[in-house]
Amino acid sequence: MISKVNPNRIQVLFDQFLQEKQYIQNVSPNTVDFYLQSFKAFNLSLPLTQAQLNSEIVRMRQESKTPNGINAYIRGLRPFLRFLFDNGHITEAPKLKKLKCEERQMRTFSDAQIRAILR
């Protein structure tokens, strides 16, 4: 277990995180929305554990969410996890690694196709 906080406080802590991001770090409203969507996607509760984070990722994959979509949620949740650790709300910084994604190769034209286009 990497948390020492009351289980009912996660929403309060997230609201505090959002306020700091908005009023101290002056992030845009779109960024705040992004953080909020990421937080909701993970459906967290305290005590926060690495196993809980991993099981949330498994749940999202089972719901057919794409690895790229889950990676976006991970990117949006990491600052909140860091906030929890930096402010002493959790005793260990959880590790959320991005999922491996398929790399798409751009289709290119052959030399003959390029010559045909140029003609």
N, C-alpha and C. Protein backbone atom coordinates (compact mmCIF):
# COMPACT_ATOMS: atom_id res chain seq x y z
N MET A 1 0.85 -1.18 0.00
CA MET A 1 0.00 0.00 0.00
C MET A 1 0.90 1.24 0.00
N ILE A 2 0.57 2.22 -0.85
CA ILE A 2 1.40 3.41 -0.94
C ILE A 2 0.66 4.65 -0.48
N SER A 3 -0.43 4.49 0.24
CA SER A 3 -1.22 5.63 0.68
C SER A 3 -1.44 5.59 2.18
N LYS A 4 -1.54 6.78 2.76
CA LYS A 4 -1.84 6.85 4.18
C LYS A 4 -3.01 7.80 4.43
N VAL A 5 -3.86 8.01 3.45
CA VAL A 5 -4.94 8.98 3.54
C VAL A 5 -6.29 8.29 3.71
N ASN A 6 -7.22 9.01 4.27
CA ASN A 6 -8.59 8.55 4.42
C ASN A 6 -9.20 8.29 3.04
N PRO A 7 -9.89 7.16 2.85
CA PRO A 7 -10.43 6.82 1.53
C PRO A 7 -11.44 7.82 0.97
N ASN A 8 -12.06 8.63 1.81
CA ASN A 8 -13.07 9.58 1.34
C ASN A 8 -12.46 10.88 0.84
N ARG A 9 -11.17 11.03 0.91
CA ARG A 9 -10.54 12.30 0.60
C ARG A 9 -10.02 12.45 -0.82
N ILE A 10 -10.11 11.45 -1.65
CA ILE A 10 -9.48 11.56 -2.97
C ILE A 10 -10.09 12.68 -3.79
N GLN A 11 -11.39 12.86 -3.74
CA GLN A 11 -12.03 13.93 -4.50
C GLN A 11 -11.61 15.30 -3.96
N VAL A 12 -11.52 15.43 -2.65
CA VAL A 12 -11.08 16.69 -2.03
C VAL A 12 -9.65 17.01 -2.46
N LEU A 13 -8.80 16.00 -2.46
CA LEU A 13 -7.41 16.20 -2.87
C LEU A 13 -7.32 16.55 -4.35
N PHE A 14 -8.15 15.93 -5.17
CA PHE A 14 -8.14 16.24 -6.59
C PHE A 14 -8.62 17.67 -6.83
N ASP A 15 -9.63 18.10 -6.09
CA ASP A 15 -10.11 19.48 -6.21
C ASP A 15 -9.02 20.47 -5.81
N GLN A 16 -8.28 20.14 -4.77
CA GLN A 16 -7.16 20.99 -4.34
C GLN A 16 -6.09 21.04 -5.44
N PHE A 17 -5.80 19.89 -6.03
CA PHE A 17 -4.84 19.82 -7.13
C PHE A 17 -5.27 20.73 -8.28
N LEU A 18 -6.56 20.64 -8.66
CA LEU A 18 -7.07 21.47 -9.76
C LEU A 18 -6.97 22.95 -9.43
N GLN A 19 -7.27 23.32 -8.20
CA GLN A 19 -7.18 24.73 -7.81
C GLN A 19 -5.75 25.23 -7.91
N GLU A 20 -4.80 24.43 -7.46
CA GLU A 20 -3.39 24.83 -7.57
C GLU A 20 -2.98 24.97 -9.03
N LYS A 21 -3.42 24.04 -9.86
CA LYS A 21 -3.08 24.11 -11.28
C LYS A 21 -3.68 25.37 -11.91
N GLN A 22 -4.95 25.67 -11.58
CA GLN A 22 -5.62 26.82 -12.17
C GLN A 22 -5.06 28.13 -11.68
N TYR A 23 -4.97 28.30 -10.37
CA TYR A 23 -4.69 29.61 -9.80
C TYR A 23 -3.22 29.87 -9.50
N ILE A 24 -2.44 28.83 -9.31
CA ILE A 24 -1.02 29.05 -9.02
C ILE A 24 -0.18 28.84 -10.28
N GLN A 25 -0.47 27.77 -11.01
CA GLN A 25 0.32 27.49 -12.21
C GLN A 25 -0.32 28.03 -13.48
N ASN A 26 -1.54 28.56 -13.35
CA ASN A 26 -2.22 29.23 -14.45
C ASN A 26 -2.36 28.37 -15.71
N VAL A 27 -2.77 27.11 -15.52
CA VAL A 27 -3.00 26.26 -16.68
C VAL A 27 -4.32 26.65 -17.34
N SER A 28 -4.47 26.31 -18.58
CA SER A 28 -5.67 26.69 -19.34
C SER A 28 -6.88 25.87 -18.90
N PRO A 29 -8.08 26.38 -19.17
CA PRO A 29 -9.29 25.60 -18.86
C PRO A 29 -9.32 24.25 -19.58
N ASN A 30 -8.76 24.19 -20.78
CA ASN A 30 -8.70 22.91 -21.50
C ASN A 30 -7.82 21.90 -20.76
N THR A 31 -6.74 22.37 -20.18
CA THR A 31 -5.86 21.48 -19.43
C THR A 31 -6.57 20.98 -18.18
N VAL A 32 -7.31 21.85 -17.52
CA VAL A 32 -8.08 21.45 -16.35
C VAL A 32 -9.09 20.37 -16.74
N ASP A 33 -9.77 20.56 -17.86
CA ASP A 33 -10.73 19.56 -18.35
C ASP A 33 -10.03 18.23 -18.64
N PHE A 34 -8.84 18.31 -19.21
CA PHE A 34 -8.05 17.11 -19.51
C PHE A 34 -7.72 16.35 -18.23
N TYR A 35 -7.26 17.08 -17.20
CA TYR A 35 -6.98 16.44 -15.91
C TYR A 35 -8.24 15.79 -15.34
N LEU A 36 -9.36 16.49 -15.43
CA LEU A 36 -10.62 15.98 -14.90
C LEU A 36 -11.06 14.70 -15.62
N GLN A 37 -10.96 14.69 -16.94
CA GLN A 37 -11.32 13.50 -17.71
C GLN A 37 -10.42 12.32 -17.34
N SER A 38 -9.14 12.59 -17.17
CA SER A 38 -8.19 11.53 -16.82
C SER A 38 -8.50 10.96 -15.44
N PHE A 39 -8.80 11.84 -14.51
CA PHE A 39 -9.13 11.41 -13.14
C PHE A 39 -10.39 10.54 -13.15
N LYS A 40 -11.40 10.98 -13.88
CA LYS A 40 -12.65 10.21 -13.95
C LYS A 40 -12.44 8.86 -14.63
N ALA A 41 -11.59 8.82 -15.63
CA ALA A 41 -11.35 7.57 -16.36
C ALA A 41 -10.74 6.51 -15.45
N PHE A 42 -9.91 6.94 -14.51
CA PHE A 42 -9.23 5.98 -13.64
C PHE A 42 -10.06 5.53 -12.46
N ASN A 43 -11.10 6.25 -12.09
CA ASN A 43 -12.02 5.77 -11.06
C ASN A 43 -11.27 5.37 -9.79
N LEU A 44 -10.44 6.28 -9.27
CA LEU A 44 -9.57 5.96 -8.14
C LEU A 44 -10.27 6.07 -6.80
N SER A 45 -9.71 5.36 -5.84
CA SER A 45 -10.14 5.48 -4.45
C SER A 45 -8.90 5.32 -3.58
N LEU A 46 -9.01 5.77 -2.37
CA LEU A 46 -7.91 5.62 -1.44
C LEU A 46 -8.23 4.50 -0.48
N PRO A 47 -7.29 3.75 0.01
CA PRO A 47 -5.87 3.93 -0.19
C PRO A 47 -5.44 3.57 -1.62
N LEU A 48 -4.59 4.37 -2.16
CA LEU A 48 -4.13 4.23 -3.54
C LEU A 48 -2.97 3.24 -3.58
N THR A 49 -3.08 2.25 -4.44
CA THR A 49 -2.01 1.25 -4.58
C THR A 49 -1.62 1.12 -6.04
N GLN A 50 -0.43 0.61 -6.24
CA GLN A 50 0.02 0.33 -7.60
C GLN A 50 -0.89 -0.71 -8.26
N ALA A 51 -1.33 -1.68 -7.48
CA ALA A 51 -2.23 -2.72 -8.00
C ALA A 51 -3.54 -2.10 -8.47
N GLN A 52 -4.04 -1.11 -7.75
CA GLN A 52 -5.29 -0.46 -8.16
C GLN A 52 -5.10 0.26 -9.49
N LEU A 53 -4.00 0.98 -9.64
CA LEU A 53 -3.72 1.67 -10.91
C LEU A 53 -3.63 0.67 -12.05
N ASN A 54 -2.91 -0.42 -11.82
CA ASN A 54 -2.78 -1.45 -12.86
C ASN A 54 -4.13 -2.07 -13.21
N SER A 55 -4.95 -2.33 -12.20
CA SER A 55 -6.25 -2.95 -12.48
C SER A 55 -7.17 -1.99 -13.23
N GLU A 56 -7.02 -0.71 -13.01
CA GLU A 56 -7.80 0.27 -13.76
C GLU A 56 -7.40 0.27 -15.24
N ILE A 57 -6.11 0.12 -15.50
CA ILE A 57 -5.65 0.04 -16.89
C ILE A 57 -6.19 -1.22 -17.54
N VAL A 58 -6.15 -2.34 -16.80
CA VAL A 58 -6.71 -3.60 -17.33
C VAL A 58 -8.19 -3.43 -17.62
N ARG A 59 -8.92 -2.79 -16.70
CA ARG A 59 -10.36 -2.58 -16.90
C ARG A 59 -10.62 -1.77 -18.17
N MET A 60 -9.84 -0.71 -18.38
CA MET A 60 -10.02 0.12 -19.59
C MET A 60 -9.73 -0.69 -20.86
N ARG A 61 -8.71 -1.53 -20.82
CA ARG A 61 -8.39 -2.36 -21.99
C ARG A 61 -9.52 -3.36 -22.24
N GLN A 62 -10.08 -3.92 -21.17
CA GLN A 62 -11.18 -4.86 -21.32
C GLN A 62 -12.42 -4.17 -21.88
N GLU A 63 -12.54 -2.87 -21.63
CA GLU A 63 -13.65 -2.08 -22.19
C GLU A 63 -13.34 -1.62 -23.61
N SER A 64 -12.28 -2.14 -24.19
CA SER A 64 -11.86 -1.87 -25.57
C SER A 64 -11.38 -0.45 -25.80
N LYS A 65 -10.88 0.20 -24.76
CA LYS A 65 -10.24 1.50 -24.97
C LYS A 65 -8.89 1.24 -25.63
N THR A 66 -8.49 2.14 -26.51
CA THR A 66 -7.25 1.94 -27.25
C THR A 66 -6.04 2.27 -26.37
N PRO A 67 -4.90 1.67 -26.66
CA PRO A 67 -3.69 2.02 -25.91
C PRO A 67 -3.36 3.51 -25.99
N ASN A 68 -3.58 4.12 -27.16
CA ASN A 68 -3.31 5.56 -27.28
C ASN A 68 -4.24 6.38 -26.38
N GLY A 69 -5.50 5.98 -26.30
CA GLY A 69 -6.45 6.67 -25.43
C GLY A 69 -6.08 6.52 -23.97
N ILE A 70 -5.70 5.32 -23.58
CA ILE A 70 -5.29 5.08 -22.19
C ILE A 70 -4.02 5.85 -21.88
N ASN A 71 -3.10 5.93 -22.84
CA ASN A 71 -1.88 6.71 -22.63
C ASN A 71 -2.19 8.18 -22.38
N ALA A 72 -3.22 8.70 -23.03
CA ALA A 72 -3.63 10.09 -22.79
C ALA A 72 -4.11 10.23 -21.35
N TYR A 73 -4.91 9.27 -20.87
CA TYR A 73 -5.37 9.33 -19.48
C TYR A 73 -4.20 9.23 -18.52
N ILE A 74 -3.24 8.38 -18.83
CA ILE A 74 -2.05 8.24 -17.99
C ILE A 74 -1.31 9.58 -17.93
N ARG A 75 -1.15 10.21 -19.08
CA ARG A 75 -0.47 11.50 -19.14
C ARG A 75 -1.20 12.55 -18.30
N GLY A 76 -2.53 12.48 -18.28
CA GLY A 76 -3.31 13.43 -17.50
C GLY A 76 -3.35 13.12 -16.01
N LEU A 77 -3.12 11.87 -15.63
CA LEU A 77 -3.18 11.49 -14.22
C LEU A 77 -1.83 11.65 -13.51
N ARG A 78 -0.74 11.53 -14.24
CA ARG A 78 0.58 11.61 -13.62
C ARG A 78 0.80 12.86 -12.78
N PRO A 79 0.40 14.05 -13.26
CA PRO A 79 0.61 15.24 -12.42
C PRO A 79 -0.13 15.16 -11.08
N PHE A 80 -1.31 14.56 -11.07
CA PHE A 80 -2.05 14.42 -9.81
C PHE A 80 -1.33 13.46 -8.87
N LEU A 81 -0.83 12.35 -9.40
CA LEU A 81 -0.08 11.40 -8.58
C LEU A 81 1.17 12.05 -8.00
N ARG A 82 1.81 12.87 -8.82
CA ARG A 82 2.99 13.59 -8.35
C ARG A 82 2.62 14.59 -7.25
N PHE A 83 1.49 15.27 -7.43
CA PHE A 83 0.98 16.20 -6.42
C PHE A 83 0.75 15.47 -5.10
N LEU A 84 0.13 14.29 -5.16
CA LEU A 84 -0.11 13.52 -3.94
C LEU A 84 1.19 13.18 -3.23
N PHE A 85 2.18 12.76 -3.99
CA PHE A 85 3.47 12.39 -3.42
C PHE A 85 4.21 13.61 -2.87
N ASP A 86 4.29 14.68 -3.66
CA ASP A 86 5.02 15.88 -3.25
C ASP A 86 4.44 16.52 -1.99
N ASN A 87 3.14 16.38 -1.79
CA ASN A 87 2.49 16.99 -0.64
C ASN A 87 2.30 16.02 0.53
N GLY A 88 2.92 14.85 0.43
CA GLY A 88 2.92 13.90 1.54
C GLY A 88 1.63 13.13 1.74
N HIS A 89 0.76 13.11 0.74
CA HIS A 89 -0.49 12.38 0.87
C HIS A 89 -0.32 10.89 0.59
N ILE A 90 0.74 10.53 -0.14
CA ILE A 90 1.09 9.14 -0.34
C ILE A 90 2.58 9.00 -0.04
N THR A 91 2.98 7.82 0.38
CA THR A 91 4.36 7.62 0.82
C THR A 91 5.30 7.17 -0.29
N GLU A 92 4.75 6.64 -1.38
CA GLU A 92 5.56 6.23 -2.53
C GLU A 92 4.94 6.81 -3.79
N ALA A 93 5.79 7.24 -4.71
CA ALA A 93 5.29 7.74 -6.00
C ALA A 93 4.95 6.55 -6.88
N PRO A 94 3.67 6.40 -7.26
CA PRO A 94 3.29 5.28 -8.12
C PRO A 94 3.91 5.40 -9.51
N LYS A 95 4.14 4.29 -10.12
CA LYS A 95 4.71 4.26 -11.47
C LYS A 95 3.61 3.95 -12.48
N LEU A 96 3.36 4.88 -13.36
CA LEU A 96 2.38 4.67 -14.43
C LEU A 96 3.12 4.79 -15.75
N LYS A 97 3.42 3.68 -16.35
CA LYS A 97 4.12 3.69 -17.63
C LYS A 97 3.10 3.67 -18.75
N LYS A 98 3.46 4.32 -19.83
CA LYS A 98 2.59 4.29 -21.01
C LYS A 98 2.56 2.89 -21.60
N LEU A 99 1.44 2.58 -22.23
CA LEU A 99 1.30 1.30 -22.90
C LEU A 99 2.03 1.34 -24.24
N LYS A 100 2.50 0.19 -24.65
CA LYS A 100 3.14 0.09 -25.96
C LYS A 100 2.06 0.21 -27.04
N CYS A 101 2.31 1.04 -28.01
CA CYS A 101 1.33 1.28 -29.08
C CYS A 101 1.90 0.87 -30.43
N GLU A 102 0.99 0.53 -31.29
CA GLU A 102 1.36 0.18 -32.65
C GLU A 102 1.89 1.44 -33.35
N GLU A 103 3.03 1.30 -33.97
CA GLU A 103 3.58 2.42 -34.74
C GLU A 103 3.08 2.32 -36.16
N ARG A 104 2.43 3.36 -36.59
CA ARG A 104 1.90 3.35 -37.96
C ARG A 104 2.97 3.85 -38.92
N GLN A 105 3.10 3.15 -40.00
CA GLN A 105 4.04 3.55 -41.05
C GLN A 105 3.28 4.32 -42.11
N MET A 106 3.80 5.47 -42.44
CA MET A 106 3.17 6.25 -43.50
C MET A 106 3.41 5.56 -44.84
N ARG A 107 2.36 5.48 -45.60
CA ARG A 107 2.51 4.91 -46.93
C ARG A 107 3.18 5.93 -47.83
N THR A 108 4.17 5.49 -48.53
CA THR A 108 4.87 6.40 -49.43
C THR A 108 4.64 5.98 -50.87
N PHE A 109 4.92 6.90 -51.75
CA PHE A 109 4.76 6.61 -53.17
C PHE A 109 6.02 5.96 -53.70
N SER A 110 5.84 5.08 -54.65
CA SER A 110 6.99 4.47 -55.32
C SER A 110 7.56 5.49 -56.30
N ASP A 111 8.76 5.21 -56.82
CA ASP A 111 9.39 6.12 -57.79
C ASP A 111 8.50 6.28 -59.03
N ALA A 112 7.90 5.19 -59.46
CA ALA A 112 7.03 5.24 -60.65
C ALA A 112 5.81 6.12 -60.38
N GLN A 113 5.24 6.02 -59.18
CA GLN A 113 4.08 6.85 -58.84
C GLN A 113 4.46 8.33 -58.76
N ILE A 114 5.62 8.63 -58.23
CA ILE A 114 6.07 10.03 -58.16
C ILE A 114 6.27 10.59 -59.55
N ARG A 115 6.89 9.79 -60.44
CA ARG A 115 7.07 10.25 -61.82
C ARG A 115 5.72 10.51 -62.49
N ALA A 116 4.75 9.63 -62.24
CA ALA A 116 3.42 9.80 -62.83
C ALA A 116 2.75 11.06 -62.30
N ILE A 117 2.93 11.36 -61.03
CA ILE A 117 2.33 12.58 -60.46
C ILE A 117 2.96 13.84 -61.07
N LEU A 118 4.28 13.79 -61.24
CA LEU A 118 5.00 14.96 -61.77
C LEU A 118 4.72 15.22 -63.23
N ARG A 119 4.26 14.21 -63.96
CA ARG A 119 3.98 14.40 -65.38
C ARG A 119 2.71 15.11 -65.60
